[in-house]
Amino acid sequence: MRVETCYFCSRPQYPSKGITFVRNDGKKFMFCRSKCHKNFKMKRNPRKLKWTKAFRKSVGKERPVDTTLTFAARRNIPIRYNRDLVSTTLRAMQRVSEIKAKRERVFYKNRMAGNKEREKATNRKLVAENEHLLPRIRGSEKLAAEMEEPLEMEAMEIPAQKAKSKKRVKQRMLLGGGVEDEMDVD
C-alpha cells in the first residue's frame, strides 16, 4: 500500500481514505478530504490559497527543490525480495528523514535570519510616525531617569561583594540613592 499526496494541498493521503476523482482522459486526482475536493471543483488555484503547500512554496516559505523528496517517488519496477536490500533500504529511510529534518531546520534559520532587525526597523518607523501620541517627558522626569541609570550599575556590584560572605542579605535600591536591607536569605 502506498501513501499518496493530495493533488490540491499536498498532504499525505492514506489508503482507503479521501476521495479519488478520475477524469475521462484517465488522469487520477487524489484528495485527502472534502475541502480539497470542493476547492478543486470550484476551479480554485492552490497557489492562491494560503493553507496549501503550493502557496507556501510559491511564497518561499517551503523548500521548493529537495533531493530527499525523490526517495518518495513512485517506482513501478518489481524487485525480488532480498533481506540485505530491505535492511539497507530501512537504514536509508531513517537517514533520509534525519537529513530532511536537518535541512528544514537550516532553511527555517536562514529564512528567519533578518527578522529581528526588520521588526526593530518597523517599530522605530511606527514610533517616528506617531510621535505626537507619546507622552512628553518633563525635565524633572528626565533627571530621575538619569539618576536611575547609575543606580542599576551599583545594584550589580552589591551582590558580587556580598557573595563572598556566608550569610546572604536581600537588598532593595532606594530611589534617592542608597540601599535598604529587607531580610536574611539562607
Protein backbone atom coordinates (compact mmCIF):
# COMPACT_ATOMS: atom_id res chain seq x y z
CA MET A 1 0.00 0.00 0.00
CA ARG A 2 1.27 3.43 -0.89
CA VAL A 3 0.72 6.78 0.82
CA GLU A 4 -0.28 9.21 -1.95
CA THR A 5 -0.23 13.00 -1.78
CA CYS A 6 -3.32 15.13 -2.15
CA TYR A 7 -3.50 16.79 -5.56
CA PHE A 8 -4.70 20.07 -4.06
CA CYS A 9 -2.94 20.61 -0.72
CA SER A 10 -0.08 18.04 -0.95
CA ARG A 11 -0.95 16.43 2.39
CA PRO A 12 -0.42 12.67 2.69
CA GLN A 13 -3.45 10.60 1.70
CA TYR A 14 -3.51 7.18 3.29
CA PRO A 15 -5.03 4.08 1.69
CA SER A 16 -8.85 3.84 1.85
CA LYS A 17 -9.08 7.48 2.96
CA GLY A 18 -10.05 10.56 0.99
CA ILE A 19 -11.60 10.93 -2.45
CA THR A 20 -10.29 9.83 -5.84
CA PHE A 21 -11.55 11.62 -8.96
CA VAL A 22 -10.79 10.07 -12.37
CA ARG A 23 -11.23 12.29 -15.41
CA ASN A 24 -12.47 10.96 -18.79
CA ASP A 25 -8.93 11.01 -20.16
CA GLY A 26 -7.81 8.67 -17.35
CA LYS A 27 -5.95 11.18 -15.15
CA LYS A 28 -6.34 10.43 -11.44
CA PHE A 29 -6.79 13.19 -8.84
CA MET A 30 -6.44 12.14 -5.20
CA PHE A 31 -7.87 14.37 -2.47
CA CYS A 32 -7.23 13.98 1.26
CA ARG A 33 -10.58 15.45 2.35
CA SER A 34 -13.74 17.04 1.01
CA LYS A 35 -12.33 20.55 1.49
CA CYS A 36 -9.68 19.91 -1.16
CA HIS A 37 -12.18 18.20 -3.47
CA LYS A 38 -14.66 21.08 -3.25
CA ASN A 39 -11.96 23.67 -3.93
CA PHE A 40 -10.82 21.65 -6.95
CA LYS A 41 -14.40 21.52 -8.28
CA MET A 42 -14.67 25.29 -7.81
CA LYS A 43 -11.58 25.57 -10.05
CA ARG A 44 -9.52 27.36 -7.42
CA ASN A 45 -5.79 27.74 -7.82
CA PRO A 46 -3.87 26.02 -4.97
CA ARG A 47 -1.08 28.62 -5.25
CA LYS A 48 -3.51 31.36 -4.20
CA LEU A 49 -4.88 29.63 -1.09
CA LYS A 50 -2.72 30.17 1.99
CA TRP A 51 -3.36 26.76 3.55
CA THR A 52 -1.85 24.76 0.66
CA LYS A 53 1.73 23.65 0.25
CA ALA A 54 1.80 25.10 -3.28
CA PHE A 55 1.19 28.57 -1.80
CA ARG A 56 3.97 28.08 0.77
CA LYS A 57 6.41 27.04 -1.97
CA SER A 58 5.46 29.92 -4.26
CA VAL A 59 5.92 32.48 -1.45
CA GLY A 60 9.25 30.98 -0.34
CA LYS A 61 8.20 29.52 3.00
CA GLU A 62 8.80 25.90 1.93
CA ARG A 63 11.86 24.38 0.28
CA PRO A 64 10.96 24.20 -3.43
CA VAL A 65 13.64 21.68 -4.51
CA ASP A 66 14.91 18.96 -2.24
CA THR A 67 16.70 15.78 -3.28
CA THR A 68 15.27 13.88 -0.30
CA LEU A 69 11.81 14.10 -1.88
CA THR A 70 12.92 11.92 -4.81
CA PHE A 71 13.08 8.93 -2.47
CA ALA A 72 9.29 9.02 -2.15
CA ALA A 73 8.81 8.92 -5.95
CA ARG A 74 6.74 6.09 -7.39
CA ARG A 75 8.76 3.22 -8.82
CA ASN A 76 6.78 0.58 -10.68
CA ILE A 77 9.65 -1.86 -11.15
CA PRO A 78 9.08 -5.14 -9.31
CA ILE A 79 12.16 -6.29 -7.40
CA ARG A 80 12.69 -9.77 -5.99
CA TYR A 81 12.75 -9.86 -2.20
CA ASN A 82 16.24 -9.61 -0.73
CA ARG A 83 16.84 -9.41 3.02
CA ASP A 84 20.01 -7.30 2.65
CA LEU A 85 18.27 -4.88 0.31
CA VAL A 86 15.38 -4.45 2.76
CA SER A 87 17.70 -3.76 5.69
CA THR A 88 19.74 -1.21 3.71
CA THR A 89 16.51 0.42 2.50
CA LEU A 90 15.21 0.75 6.06
CA ARG A 91 18.50 2.29 7.23
CA ALA A 92 18.43 4.66 4.24
CA MET A 93 14.84 5.68 5.06
CA GLN A 94 15.85 6.64 8.61
CA ARG A 95 18.89 8.53 7.35
CA VAL A 96 16.81 10.38 4.74
CA SER A 97 14.34 11.52 7.41
CA GLU A 98 17.25 12.80 9.55
CA ILE A 99 18.74 14.69 6.59
CA LYS A 100 15.34 16.13 5.69
CA ALA A 101 14.73 17.39 9.25
CA LYS A 102 18.20 18.93 9.39
CA ARG A 103 17.71 20.70 6.05
CA GLU A 104 14.33 22.02 7.19
CA ARG A 105 15.91 23.49 10.36
CA VAL A 106 18.67 25.18 8.33
CA PHE A 107 16.12 26.52 5.83
CA TYR A 108 13.99 27.94 8.67
CA LYS A 109 17.02 29.61 10.32
CA ASN A 110 18.06 31.19 7.03
CA ARG A 111 14.52 32.39 6.36
CA MET A 112 14.19 33.93 9.84
CA ALA A 113 17.72 35.42 9.86
CA GLY A 114 16.86 39.14 9.47
CA ASN A 115 13.53 39.20 11.29
CA LYS A 116 14.70 40.94 14.47
CA GLU A 117 16.31 43.81 12.57
CA ARG A 118 13.26 44.20 10.33
CA GLU A 119 10.94 44.18 13.34
CA LYS A 120 13.05 46.81 15.12
CA ALA A 121 13.04 48.96 11.98
CA THR A 122 9.24 48.74 11.66
CA ASN A 123 8.83 49.53 15.37
CA ARG A 124 11.10 52.57 15.08
CA LYS A 125 9.21 53.74 11.99
CA LEU A 126 5.90 53.36 13.85
CA VAL A 127 7.19 55.38 16.80
CA ALA A 128 8.59 58.07 14.48
CA GLU A 129 5.28 58.38 12.61
CA ASN A 130 3.16 58.51 15.79
CA GLU A 131 5.46 60.55 18.00
CA HIS A 132 2.66 63.03 18.66
CA LEU A 133 0.78 60.30 20.58
CA LEU A 134 3.62 59.68 23.04
CA PRO A 135 3.54 61.47 26.42
CA ARG A 136 6.03 64.29 26.81
CA ILE A 137 8.79 63.87 29.37
CA ARG A 138 9.23 66.73 31.84
CA GLY A 139 12.63 67.97 32.93
CA SER A 140 12.25 66.51 36.42
CA GLU A 141 11.39 63.09 34.94
CA LYS A 142 14.49 63.24 32.72
CA LEU A 143 16.64 63.90 35.80
CA ALA A 144 15.03 60.98 37.64
CA ALA A 145 15.67 58.71 34.64
CA GLU A 146 19.32 59.81 34.54
CA MET A 147 19.66 59.16 38.27
CA GLU A 148 18.29 55.61 37.91
CA GLU A 149 20.91 54.55 35.34
CA PRO A 150 23.93 54.75 37.72
CA LEU A 151 21.90 53.00 40.44
CA GLU A 152 21.39 49.98 38.19
CA MET A 153 25.16 49.58 37.91
CA GLU A 154 25.51 49.76 41.71
CA ALA A 155 22.85 47.08 42.07
CA MET A 156 25.03 44.72 40.06
CA GLU A 157 28.09 45.42 42.23
CA ILE A 158 26.38 44.82 45.60
CA PRO A 159 25.58 41.08 45.15
CA ALA A 160 29.14 40.45 43.94
CA GLN A 161 30.55 41.90 47.18
CA LYS A 162 28.07 40.03 49.39
CA ALA A 163 28.54 36.69 47.57
CA LYS A 164 31.83 36.11 49.39
CA SER A 165 30.21 36.08 52.83
CA LYS A 166 28.30 33.04 54.10
CA LYS A 167 25.16 34.97 55.02
CA ARG A 168 23.12 36.43 52.17
CA VAL A 169 21.08 39.58 52.66
CA LYS A 170 18.40 40.63 50.19
CA GLN A 171 18.66 44.36 49.45
CA ARG A 172 16.46 46.88 47.71
CA MET A 173 17.67 50.01 45.91
CA LEU A 174 16.04 53.28 47.00
CA LEU A 175 15.04 55.98 44.51
CA GLY A 176 17.07 58.80 46.10
CA GLY A 177 20.14 56.60 46.35
CA GLY A 178 21.28 54.14 48.93
CA VAL A 179 20.33 50.60 49.87
CA GLU A 180 17.75 49.15 52.24
CA ASP A 181 18.13 45.68 53.80
CA GLU A 182 14.96 43.61 53.61
CA MET A 183 15.65 40.20 55.15
CA ASP A 184 18.15 37.42 55.55
CA VAL A 185 18.11 34.64 52.96
CA ASP A 186 19.76 31.30 53.79
